[in-house]
């Protein structure tokens, strides 16, 4: 009986941890919008409105501005990569070192491996960049980053890892309590049978 109980416990733990590992942005439709903090509105930025894309294996927003000052934004299962091409060049539009180019990625929803929605939210971000002056922020289902209007080179990058919490996936503490309860039931039943 105890062996069966432990086998059930092991199976349940593996399934729960598997559910955690399958939490992903893959297959989700996200929205990207752009705004300058300085200069007049630019059709290649504000004029794009909220651009939709489906998260997948390809780069979601390659060559976003569609001209020589190229920025690409790639969303993976749980992170965001921003890269630059055709540098060096001076910022994007104002080129005076004073303003920022603001991006918002919104409607970030997590999905199970089968594509169904998962209850999850962003609780933090981990930023890796070799650019100076980058500003970042986040919400439960959004990420905001501001790029300074300064010289950009090909080797610059911005990588944002998303730290998330998922409500429909058991936390490790929940699994531990579940394991203790099953173990206690097993011991109780074993003693009952022996007596």
N, C-alpha and C. Protein backbone atom coordinates (compact mmCIF):
# COMPACT_ATOMS: atom_id res chain seq x y z
N UNK A 1 0.83 -1.20 0.00
CA UNK A 1 0.00 0.00 0.00
C UNK A 1 0.87 1.26 0.00
N UNK A 2 1.91 1.24 0.83
CA UNK A 2 2.79 2.42 0.91
C UNK A 2 3.50 2.65 -0.42
N UNK A 3 3.89 1.57 -1.10
CA UNK A 3 4.55 1.71 -2.39
C UNK A 3 3.62 2.36 -3.40
N UNK A 4 2.34 1.95 -3.38
CA UNK A 4 1.36 2.55 -4.29
C UNK A 4 1.18 4.03 -3.98
N UNK A 5 1.11 4.35 -2.69
CA UNK A 5 0.93 5.73 -2.27
C UNK A 5 2.09 6.60 -2.74
N UNK A 6 3.31 6.10 -2.57
CA UNK A 6 4.49 6.84 -3.02
C UNK A 6 4.51 6.98 -4.54
N UNK A 7 4.07 5.96 -5.24
CA UNK A 7 4.01 6.02 -6.70
C UNK A 7 3.02 7.10 -7.15
N UNK A 8 1.85 7.16 -6.48
CA UNK A 8 0.86 8.20 -6.80
C UNK A 8 1.43 9.59 -6.54
N UNK A 9 2.11 9.71 -5.39
CA UNK A 9 2.70 10.99 -5.02
C UNK A 9 3.74 11.43 -6.05
N UNK A 10 4.60 10.51 -6.46
CA UNK A 10 5.63 10.82 -7.45
C UNK A 10 5.01 11.25 -8.77
N UNK A 11 3.99 10.54 -9.21
CA UNK A 11 3.31 10.87 -10.47
C UNK A 11 2.68 12.25 -10.41
N UNK A 12 2.01 12.54 -9.28
CA UNK A 12 1.36 13.86 -9.13
C UNK A 12 2.40 14.97 -9.14
N UNK A 13 3.54 14.75 -8.48
CA UNK A 13 4.60 15.76 -8.44
C UNK A 13 5.16 16.01 -9.83
N UNK A 14 5.44 14.94 -10.57
CA UNK A 14 5.97 15.08 -11.93
C UNK A 14 5.00 15.83 -12.82
N UNK A 15 3.71 15.51 -12.72
CA UNK A 15 2.70 16.19 -13.54
C UNK A 15 2.62 17.68 -13.19
N UNK A 16 2.68 18.00 -11.90
CA UNK A 16 2.61 19.40 -11.49
C UNK A 16 3.82 20.18 -11.96
N UNK A 17 5.02 19.59 -11.80
CA UNK A 17 6.22 20.28 -12.25
C UNK A 17 6.23 20.40 -13.76
N UNK A 18 5.68 19.41 -14.46
CA UNK A 18 5.58 19.48 -15.92
C UNK A 18 4.70 20.63 -16.34
N UNK A 19 3.62 20.87 -15.59
CA UNK A 19 2.74 22.00 -15.90
C UNK A 19 3.47 23.32 -15.74
N UNK A 20 4.33 23.40 -14.71
CA UNK A 20 5.11 24.62 -14.50
C UNK A 20 6.03 24.87 -15.68
N UNK A 21 6.70 23.81 -16.15
CA UNK A 21 7.66 23.96 -17.23
C UNK A 21 6.99 24.34 -18.53
N UNK A 22 5.71 24.01 -18.70
CA UNK A 22 5.04 24.28 -19.97
C UNK A 22 4.45 25.69 -20.03
N UNK A 23 4.57 26.48 -18.97
CA UNK A 23 4.07 27.86 -19.00
C UNK A 23 4.89 28.64 -20.01
N UNK A 24 4.22 29.25 -21.00
CA UNK A 24 4.94 29.86 -22.10
C UNK A 24 4.12 30.95 -22.77
N UNK A 25 4.82 31.93 -23.37
CA UNK A 25 4.16 32.93 -24.19
C UNK A 25 3.93 32.43 -25.62
N UNK A 26 4.51 31.29 -25.96
CA UNK A 26 4.40 30.76 -27.32
C UNK A 26 2.93 30.58 -27.71
N UNK A 27 2.58 31.12 -28.87
CA UNK A 27 1.21 31.01 -29.35
C UNK A 27 0.31 32.15 -28.92
N UNK A 28 0.82 33.05 -28.06
CA UNK A 28 0.01 34.16 -27.58
C UNK A 28 0.10 35.35 -28.54
N UNK A 29 -1.00 36.06 -28.73
CA UNK A 29 -0.97 37.30 -29.51
C UNK A 29 -0.61 38.45 -28.58
N UNK A 30 0.45 39.19 -28.94
CA UNK A 30 0.90 40.33 -28.16
C UNK A 30 0.75 41.60 -28.99
N UNK A 31 0.81 42.75 -28.32
CA UNK A 31 0.69 44.04 -28.99
C UNK A 31 1.91 44.90 -28.66
N UNK A 32 2.43 45.61 -29.67
CA UNK A 32 3.58 46.49 -29.49
C UNK A 32 3.22 47.89 -29.95
N UNK A 33 3.48 48.89 -29.10
CA UNK A 33 3.27 50.28 -29.48
C UNK A 33 4.52 51.09 -29.18
N UNK A 34 4.67 52.22 -29.88
CA UNK A 34 5.88 53.03 -29.83
C UNK A 34 5.50 54.49 -29.65
N UNK A 35 6.32 55.25 -28.90
CA UNK A 35 6.08 56.68 -28.73
C UNK A 35 7.41 57.37 -28.43
N UNK A 36 7.59 58.57 -28.98
CA UNK A 36 8.77 59.36 -28.68
C UNK A 36 8.48 60.32 -27.55
N UNK A 37 9.49 60.55 -26.70
CA UNK A 37 9.31 61.53 -25.64
C UNK A 37 9.73 62.92 -26.11
N UNK A 38 10.44 63.00 -27.24
CA UNK A 38 10.86 64.28 -27.78
C UNK A 38 10.63 64.30 -29.27
N UNK A 39 10.57 65.49 -29.85
CA UNK A 39 10.37 65.60 -31.28
C UNK A 39 8.90 65.48 -31.65
N UNK A 40 8.60 65.71 -32.92
CA UNK A 40 7.22 65.61 -33.39
C UNK A 40 6.87 64.15 -33.65
N UNK A 41 5.59 63.79 -33.63
CA UNK A 41 5.19 62.40 -33.89
C UNK A 41 5.74 61.90 -35.22
N UNK A 42 6.24 60.69 -35.22
CA UNK A 42 6.85 60.08 -36.40
C UNK A 42 5.97 58.92 -36.87
N UNK A 43 5.54 58.93 -38.16
CA UNK A 43 4.68 57.85 -38.66
C UNK A 43 5.26 56.45 -38.43
N UNK A 44 6.60 56.32 -38.48
CA UNK A 44 7.22 55.00 -38.30
C UNK A 44 7.16 54.54 -36.85
N UNK A 45 6.79 55.44 -35.93
CA UNK A 45 6.68 55.08 -34.50
C UNK A 45 5.22 55.17 -34.07
N UNK A 46 4.75 56.39 -33.76
CA UNK A 46 3.36 56.57 -33.32
C UNK A 46 2.36 56.13 -34.38
N UNK A 47 2.75 56.27 -35.65
CA UNK A 47 1.84 55.92 -36.74
C UNK A 47 1.51 54.45 -36.86
N UNK A 48 2.29 53.60 -36.20
CA UNK A 48 2.04 52.15 -36.28
C UNK A 48 0.91 51.70 -35.37
N UNK A 49 0.53 52.52 -34.39
CA UNK A 49 -0.51 52.11 -33.45
C UNK A 49 -0.06 50.89 -32.66
N UNK A 50 -1.02 50.07 -32.25
CA UNK A 50 -0.68 48.81 -31.55
C UNK A 50 -0.53 47.71 -32.60
N UNK A 51 0.70 47.25 -32.80
CA UNK A 51 0.97 46.23 -33.81
C UNK A 51 0.84 44.84 -33.18
N UNK A 52 -0.04 43.98 -33.70
CA UNK A 52 -0.17 42.62 -33.15
C UNK A 52 0.86 41.67 -33.76
N UNK A 53 1.21 40.65 -33.00
CA UNK A 53 2.07 39.57 -33.49
C UNK A 53 1.79 38.33 -32.65
N UNK A 54 1.95 37.17 -33.25
CA UNK A 54 1.83 35.90 -32.54
C UNK A 54 3.23 35.43 -32.15
N UNK A 55 3.43 35.13 -30.88
CA UNK A 55 4.74 34.67 -30.40
C UNK A 55 5.03 33.28 -30.97
N UNK A 56 6.17 33.15 -31.62
CA UNK A 56 6.55 31.87 -32.23
C UNK A 56 8.06 31.78 -32.38
N UNK A 57 8.51 30.94 -33.30
CA UNK A 57 9.94 30.72 -33.49
C UNK A 57 10.62 31.88 -34.21
N UNK A 58 9.88 32.63 -35.02
CA UNK A 58 10.47 33.75 -35.77
C UNK A 58 10.52 35.01 -34.91
N UNK A 59 11.24 36.02 -35.41
CA UNK A 59 11.28 37.32 -34.74
C UNK A 59 9.93 38.00 -34.96
N UNK A 60 9.30 38.40 -33.88
CA UNK A 60 7.95 38.97 -33.98
C UNK A 60 7.93 40.34 -34.65
N UNK A 61 8.93 41.18 -34.36
CA UNK A 61 8.98 42.52 -34.94
C UNK A 61 10.36 42.77 -35.55
N UNK A 62 10.65 42.15 -36.71
CA UNK A 62 11.94 42.37 -37.35
C UNK A 62 11.96 43.75 -38.02
N UNK A 63 13.08 44.44 -37.93
CA UNK A 63 13.25 45.74 -38.58
C UNK A 63 12.00 46.60 -38.37
N UNK A 64 11.70 46.87 -37.11
CA UNK A 64 10.44 47.52 -36.73
C UNK A 64 10.15 48.79 -37.54
N UNK A 65 11.17 49.63 -37.76
CA UNK A 65 10.94 50.90 -38.45
C UNK A 65 10.99 50.78 -39.97
N UNK A 66 11.46 49.62 -40.45
CA UNK A 66 11.48 49.36 -41.88
C UNK A 66 12.31 50.40 -42.65
N UNK A 67 13.44 50.81 -42.04
CA UNK A 67 14.40 51.64 -42.76
C UNK A 67 15.77 51.45 -42.13
N UNK A 68 16.74 52.25 -42.54
CA UNK A 68 18.14 51.97 -42.21
C UNK A 68 18.43 51.87 -40.71
N UNK A 69 17.76 52.66 -39.87
CA UNK A 69 17.98 52.56 -38.43
C UNK A 69 17.12 51.43 -37.89
N UNK A 70 17.68 50.24 -37.87
CA UNK A 70 16.88 49.03 -37.67
C UNK A 70 16.91 48.54 -36.24
N UNK A 71 15.73 48.32 -35.67
CA UNK A 71 15.59 47.70 -34.36
C UNK A 71 14.69 46.48 -34.53
N UNK A 72 15.08 45.35 -33.94
CA UNK A 72 14.27 44.13 -34.01
C UNK A 72 13.92 43.70 -32.59
N UNK A 73 12.66 43.28 -32.41
CA UNK A 73 12.18 42.85 -31.10
C UNK A 73 11.68 41.43 -31.22
N UNK A 74 12.30 40.52 -30.47
CA UNK A 74 11.98 39.10 -30.52
C UNK A 74 11.47 38.65 -29.16
N UNK A 75 10.33 37.99 -29.16
CA UNK A 75 9.73 37.49 -27.92
C UNK A 75 9.85 35.98 -27.91
N UNK A 76 10.40 35.42 -26.84
CA UNK A 76 10.51 33.96 -26.73
C UNK A 76 9.52 33.48 -25.68
N UNK A 77 9.68 32.26 -25.23
CA UNK A 77 8.73 31.66 -24.28
C UNK A 77 8.59 32.48 -23.01
N UNK A 78 9.69 33.09 -22.54
CA UNK A 78 9.63 33.84 -21.28
C UNK A 78 10.62 35.00 -21.21
N UNK A 79 10.99 35.53 -22.38
CA UNK A 79 11.90 36.69 -22.38
C UNK A 79 11.72 37.51 -23.65
N UNK A 80 12.33 38.70 -23.64
CA UNK A 80 12.25 39.64 -24.76
C UNK A 80 13.67 40.06 -25.13
N UNK A 81 14.00 39.98 -26.43
CA UNK A 81 15.31 40.38 -26.93
C UNK A 81 15.14 41.58 -27.84
N UNK A 82 15.94 42.62 -27.62
CA UNK A 82 15.94 43.78 -28.50
C UNK A 82 17.35 43.90 -29.07
N UNK A 83 17.46 43.90 -30.42
CA UNK A 83 18.76 44.00 -31.09
C UNK A 83 18.72 45.13 -32.12
N UNK A 84 19.90 45.55 -32.54
CA UNK A 84 20.03 46.69 -33.44
C UNK A 84 20.92 46.32 -34.62
N UNK A 85 20.56 46.81 -35.80
CA UNK A 85 21.32 46.54 -37.02
C UNK A 85 21.64 47.85 -37.73
N UNK A 86 22.59 47.77 -38.66
CA UNK A 86 22.96 48.89 -39.52
C UNK A 86 23.55 50.08 -38.77
N UNK A 87 24.12 49.82 -37.58
CA UNK A 87 24.78 50.90 -36.85
C UNK A 87 26.20 51.08 -37.32
N UNK A 88 26.92 52.09 -36.84
CA UNK A 88 26.40 53.03 -35.84
C UNK A 88 25.50 54.10 -36.47
N UNK A 89 24.52 54.54 -35.69
CA UNK A 89 23.69 55.67 -36.10
C UNK A 89 23.25 56.42 -34.85
N UNK A 90 22.81 57.64 -35.05
CA UNK A 90 22.46 58.48 -33.91
C UNK A 90 20.99 58.34 -33.58
N UNK A 91 20.71 57.63 -32.51
CA UNK A 91 19.33 57.48 -32.04
C UNK A 91 18.39 57.03 -33.14
N UNK A 92 17.17 57.53 -33.11
CA UNK A 92 16.20 57.15 -34.12
C UNK A 92 15.62 58.37 -34.84
N UNK A 93 15.09 59.30 -34.07
CA UNK A 93 14.42 60.43 -34.72
C UNK A 93 14.95 61.79 -34.27
N UNK A 94 15.09 62.02 -32.97
CA UNK A 94 15.51 63.35 -32.52
C UNK A 94 17.03 63.53 -32.63
N UNK A 95 17.79 62.46 -32.39
CA UNK A 95 19.25 62.48 -32.54
C UNK A 95 19.95 63.59 -31.75
N UNK A 96 19.36 64.01 -30.64
CA UNK A 96 19.99 65.07 -29.85
C UNK A 96 20.41 64.60 -28.46
N UNK A 97 20.21 63.31 -28.17
CA UNK A 97 20.61 62.77 -26.88
C UNK A 97 19.70 63.16 -25.74
N UNK A 98 18.61 63.84 -26.02
CA UNK A 98 17.73 64.34 -24.97
C UNK A 98 16.50 63.46 -24.74
N UNK A 99 15.94 62.92 -25.78
CA UNK A 99 14.68 62.20 -25.66
C UNK A 99 14.84 60.70 -25.51
N UNK A 100 13.70 60.03 -25.45
CA UNK A 100 13.65 58.57 -25.37
C UNK A 100 12.67 58.05 -26.41
N UNK A 101 12.91 56.84 -26.81
CA UNK A 101 11.98 56.12 -27.66
C UNK A 101 11.34 55.06 -26.77
N UNK A 102 10.04 55.16 -26.54
CA UNK A 102 9.33 54.29 -25.61
C UNK A 102 8.60 53.18 -26.35
N UNK A 103 8.72 51.96 -25.83
CA UNK A 103 8.00 50.80 -26.36
C UNK A 103 7.17 50.16 -25.25
N UNK A 104 5.96 49.74 -25.59
CA UNK A 104 5.11 48.98 -24.68
C UNK A 104 4.73 47.67 -25.35
N UNK A 105 5.03 46.57 -24.69
CA UNK A 105 4.54 45.25 -25.11
C UNK A 105 3.42 44.89 -24.15
N UNK A 106 2.22 44.71 -24.68
CA UNK A 106 1.06 44.47 -23.83
C UNK A 106 0.34 43.19 -24.23
N UNK A 107 -0.62 42.80 -23.39
CA UNK A 107 -1.43 41.60 -23.60
C UNK A 107 -0.57 40.34 -23.58
N UNK A 108 0.42 40.30 -22.68
CA UNK A 108 1.27 39.12 -22.52
C UNK A 108 0.53 38.10 -21.66
N UNK A 109 0.09 37.02 -22.28
CA UNK A 109 -0.66 35.96 -21.59
C UNK A 109 0.07 34.63 -21.76
N UNK A 110 0.05 33.83 -20.69
CA UNK A 110 0.76 32.55 -20.72
C UNK A 110 -0.18 31.43 -21.13
N UNK A 111 0.43 30.44 -21.77
CA UNK A 111 -0.35 29.32 -22.30
C UNK A 111 0.27 27.99 -21.88
N UNK A 112 -0.61 26.98 -21.76
CA UNK A 112 -0.17 25.60 -21.54
C UNK A 112 0.39 25.06 -22.86
N UNK A 113 1.02 23.91 -22.80
CA UNK A 113 1.57 23.29 -24.00
C UNK A 113 0.49 23.02 -25.04
N UNK A 114 -0.76 22.79 -24.61
CA UNK A 114 -1.84 22.53 -25.56
C UNK A 114 -2.44 23.82 -26.14
N UNK A 115 -1.91 24.99 -25.75
CA UNK A 115 -2.37 26.26 -26.29
C UNK A 115 -3.43 26.96 -25.45
N UNK A 116 -4.00 26.27 -24.46
CA UNK A 116 -5.02 26.89 -23.63
C UNK A 116 -4.40 27.94 -22.70
N UNK A 117 -5.19 28.95 -22.36
CA UNK A 117 -4.70 30.02 -21.49
C UNK A 117 -4.38 29.53 -20.09
N UNK A 118 -3.33 30.09 -19.52
CA UNK A 118 -2.92 29.77 -18.15
C UNK A 118 -3.03 31.03 -17.31
N UNK A 119 -3.49 30.91 -16.09
CA UNK A 119 -3.59 32.03 -15.18
C UNK A 119 -2.18 32.40 -14.71
N UNK A 120 -1.64 33.50 -15.23
CA UNK A 120 -0.29 33.89 -14.85
C UNK A 120 -0.10 35.38 -14.97
N UNK A 121 0.94 35.91 -14.30
CA UNK A 121 1.23 37.33 -14.38
C UNK A 121 2.72 37.57 -14.14
N UNK A 122 3.18 38.72 -14.63
CA UNK A 122 4.57 39.12 -14.42
C UNK A 122 4.69 39.70 -13.02
N UNK A 123 5.68 39.23 -12.26
CA UNK A 123 5.91 39.76 -10.91
C UNK A 123 7.27 40.45 -10.81
N UNK A 124 8.02 40.47 -11.92
CA UNK A 124 9.32 41.14 -11.94
C UNK A 124 10.00 40.91 -13.27
N UNK A 125 11.09 41.64 -13.50
CA UNK A 125 11.90 41.44 -14.70
C UNK A 125 13.37 41.47 -14.32
N UNK A 126 14.17 40.79 -15.13
CA UNK A 126 15.62 40.78 -14.96
C UNK A 126 16.20 41.32 -16.27
N UNK A 127 16.88 42.46 -16.21
CA UNK A 127 17.33 43.17 -17.41
C UNK A 127 18.84 43.00 -17.60
N UNK A 128 19.23 42.59 -18.80
CA UNK A 128 20.65 42.49 -19.18
C UNK A 128 20.84 43.36 -20.42
N UNK A 129 21.72 44.36 -20.33
CA UNK A 129 21.96 45.23 -21.48
C UNK A 129 23.37 45.80 -21.42
N UNK A 130 23.90 46.16 -22.59
CA UNK A 130 25.19 46.86 -22.64
C UNK A 130 24.97 48.30 -23.13
N UNK A 131 23.73 48.79 -23.04
CA UNK A 131 23.40 50.17 -23.39
C UNK A 131 23.32 51.02 -22.13
N UNK A 132 23.68 52.28 -22.24
CA UNK A 132 23.57 53.21 -21.11
C UNK A 132 22.25 53.96 -21.19
N UNK A 133 21.62 54.19 -20.04
CA UNK A 133 20.44 55.03 -19.99
C UNK A 133 19.12 54.35 -20.32
N UNK A 134 19.10 53.02 -20.45
CA UNK A 134 17.85 52.31 -20.75
C UNK A 134 16.96 52.30 -19.50
N UNK A 135 15.68 52.58 -19.68
CA UNK A 135 14.72 52.54 -18.59
C UNK A 135 13.74 51.39 -18.85
N UNK A 136 13.35 50.67 -17.80
CA UNK A 136 12.41 49.56 -17.96
C UNK A 136 11.36 49.59 -16.86
N UNK A 137 10.23 48.99 -17.15
CA UNK A 137 9.14 48.88 -16.19
C UNK A 137 8.27 47.70 -16.62
N UNK A 138 7.36 47.27 -15.76
CA UNK A 138 6.50 46.15 -16.08
C UNK A 138 5.18 46.25 -15.33
N UNK A 139 4.18 45.53 -15.87
CA UNK A 139 2.90 45.36 -15.20
C UNK A 139 2.57 43.88 -15.21
N UNK A 140 1.41 43.51 -14.74
CA UNK A 140 1.04 42.09 -14.65
C UNK A 140 1.08 41.40 -16.02
N UNK A 141 0.74 42.13 -17.09
CA UNK A 141 0.71 41.55 -18.44
C UNK A 141 1.37 42.46 -19.46
N UNK A 142 2.35 43.25 -19.03
CA UNK A 142 2.99 44.19 -19.96
C UNK A 142 4.43 44.47 -19.55
N UNK A 143 5.22 44.91 -20.54
CA UNK A 143 6.60 45.33 -20.32
C UNK A 143 6.80 46.63 -21.07
N UNK A 144 7.48 47.58 -20.42
CA UNK A 144 7.77 48.88 -21.02
C UNK A 144 9.28 49.10 -20.98
N UNK A 145 9.87 49.53 -22.11
CA UNK A 145 11.27 49.90 -22.10
C UNK A 145 11.48 51.16 -22.91
N UNK A 146 12.39 52.03 -22.43
CA UNK A 146 12.71 53.30 -23.07
C UNK A 146 14.17 53.29 -23.49
N UNK A 147 14.41 53.59 -24.76
CA UNK A 147 15.75 53.62 -25.32
C UNK A 147 16.17 55.06 -25.53
N UNK A 148 17.34 55.47 -25.02
CA UNK A 148 17.76 56.86 -25.17
C UNK A 148 18.13 57.18 -26.62
N UNK A 149 17.89 58.44 -27.02
CA UNK A 149 18.21 58.90 -28.37
C UNK A 149 19.70 59.24 -28.46
N UNK A 150 20.54 58.21 -28.33
CA UNK A 150 21.99 58.39 -28.43
C UNK A 150 22.53 57.43 -29.48
N UNK A 151 23.84 57.46 -29.70
CA UNK A 151 24.41 56.62 -30.75
C UNK A 151 24.20 55.14 -30.46
N UNK A 152 23.79 54.42 -31.48
CA UNK A 152 23.51 53.00 -31.39
C UNK A 152 24.47 52.25 -32.31
N UNK A 153 25.02 51.14 -31.81
CA UNK A 153 25.90 50.30 -32.62
C UNK A 153 25.36 48.88 -32.71
N UNK A 154 25.87 48.12 -33.68
CA UNK A 154 25.37 46.76 -33.94
C UNK A 154 25.52 45.82 -32.76
N UNK A 155 26.52 46.07 -31.90
CA UNK A 155 26.77 45.13 -30.81
C UNK A 155 25.92 45.41 -29.57
N UNK A 156 25.10 46.44 -29.61
CA UNK A 156 24.24 46.74 -28.46
C UNK A 156 23.05 45.80 -28.42
N UNK A 157 22.57 45.53 -27.20
CA UNK A 157 21.43 44.64 -27.04
C UNK A 157 20.71 44.95 -25.72
N UNK A 158 19.49 44.49 -25.65
CA UNK A 158 18.68 44.58 -24.43
C UNK A 158 17.95 43.25 -24.29
N UNK A 159 18.13 42.58 -23.15
CA UNK A 159 17.50 41.29 -22.90
C UNK A 159 16.69 41.40 -21.61
N UNK A 160 15.40 41.11 -21.69
CA UNK A 160 14.52 41.21 -20.52
C UNK A 160 13.94 39.83 -20.22
N UNK A 161 14.37 39.24 -19.11
CA UNK A 161 13.79 37.97 -18.64
C UNK A 161 12.56 38.28 -17.80
N UNK A 162 11.48 37.55 -18.05
CA UNK A 162 10.24 37.77 -17.32
C UNK A 162 10.16 36.82 -16.12
N UNK A 163 9.93 37.37 -14.94
CA UNK A 163 9.73 36.57 -13.73
C UNK A 163 8.22 36.51 -13.51
N UNK A 164 7.68 35.32 -13.51
CA UNK A 164 6.23 35.18 -13.51
C UNK A 164 5.72 34.32 -12.36
N UNK A 165 4.42 34.45 -12.09
CA UNK A 165 3.73 33.61 -11.12
C UNK A 165 2.47 33.08 -11.81
N UNK A 166 2.21 31.81 -11.63
CA UNK A 166 1.06 31.18 -12.29
C UNK A 166 0.11 30.62 -11.24
N UNK A 167 -1.12 31.13 -11.23
CA UNK A 167 -2.10 30.77 -10.21
C UNK A 167 -2.63 29.36 -10.33
N UNK A 168 -2.66 28.78 -11.54
CA UNK A 168 -3.23 27.45 -11.67
C UNK A 168 -2.18 26.35 -11.69
N UNK A 169 -0.93 26.69 -11.30
CA UNK A 169 0.12 25.69 -11.16
C UNK A 169 0.52 25.64 -9.70
N UNK A 170 0.48 24.47 -9.06
CA UNK A 170 0.81 24.40 -7.63
C UNK A 170 2.21 24.91 -7.33
N UNK A 171 2.32 25.69 -6.28
CA UNK A 171 3.62 26.17 -5.81
C UNK A 171 4.34 25.03 -5.09
N UNK A 172 5.68 25.11 -4.96
CA UNK A 172 6.42 24.06 -4.26
C UNK A 172 5.91 23.80 -2.84
N UNK A 173 5.48 24.89 -2.15
CA UNK A 173 4.97 24.72 -0.78
C UNK A 173 3.69 23.88 -0.78
N UNK A 174 2.85 24.13 -1.77
CA UNK A 174 1.60 23.37 -1.90
C UNK A 174 1.90 21.89 -2.12
N UNK A 175 2.89 21.63 -2.98
CA UNK A 175 3.28 20.24 -3.26
C UNK A 175 3.82 19.57 -2.00
N UNK A 176 4.59 20.32 -1.20
CA UNK A 176 5.16 19.75 0.03
C UNK A 176 4.04 19.38 1.01
N UNK A 177 3.06 20.27 1.16
CA UNK A 177 1.93 19.98 2.07
C UNK A 177 1.14 18.77 1.56
N UNK A 178 0.94 18.72 0.25
CA UNK A 178 0.23 17.59 -0.36
C UNK A 178 0.98 16.29 -0.09
N UNK A 179 2.31 16.34 -0.23
CA UNK A 179 3.12 15.15 0.01
C UNK A 179 3.04 14.70 1.46
N UNK A 180 3.11 15.66 2.39
CA UNK A 180 3.02 15.32 3.81
C UNK A 180 1.66 14.72 4.15
N UNK A 181 0.60 15.27 3.57
CA UNK A 181 -0.75 14.76 3.84
C UNK A 181 -0.89 13.32 3.35
N UNK A 182 -0.41 13.05 2.14
CA UNK A 182 -0.49 11.69 1.60
C UNK A 182 0.35 10.71 2.44
N UNK A 183 1.53 11.17 2.84
CA UNK A 183 2.39 10.31 3.67
C UNK A 183 1.71 10.00 4.99
N UNK A 184 1.11 11.03 5.60
CA UNK A 184 0.39 10.83 6.87
C UNK A 184 -0.77 9.87 6.71
N UNK A 185 -1.52 10.01 5.64
CA UNK A 185 -2.63 9.08 5.38
C UNK A 185 -2.13 7.65 5.22
N UNK A 186 -1.00 7.52 4.52
CA UNK A 186 -0.43 6.19 4.31
C UNK A 186 0.00 5.54 5.61
N UNK A 187 0.66 6.31 6.47
CA UNK A 187 1.11 5.78 7.77
C UNK A 187 -0.09 5.41 8.63
N UNK A 188 -1.11 6.30 8.65
CA UNK A 188 -2.32 6.04 9.43
C UNK A 188 -2.99 4.75 8.96
N UNK A 189 -3.12 4.59 7.66
CA UNK A 189 -3.78 3.39 7.12
C UNK A 189 -2.97 2.13 7.43
N UNK A 190 -1.64 2.24 7.32
CA UNK A 190 -0.79 1.09 7.60
C UNK A 190 -0.92 0.64 9.05
N UNK A 191 -0.93 1.59 9.98
CA UNK A 191 -1.08 1.27 11.39
C UNK A 191 -2.44 0.66 11.67
N UNK A 192 -3.46 1.18 11.00
CA UNK A 192 -4.81 0.67 11.18
C UNK A 192 -4.90 -0.78 10.73
N UNK A 193 -4.26 -1.09 9.60
CA UNK A 193 -4.29 -2.46 9.08
C UNK A 193 -3.53 -3.40 10.01
N UNK A 194 -2.38 -2.94 10.54
CA UNK A 194 -1.55 -3.77 11.43
C UNK A 194 -2.26 -4.06 12.74
N UNK A 195 -3.06 -3.12 13.22
CA UNK A 195 -3.77 -3.35 14.49
C UNK A 195 -5.04 -4.07 14.20
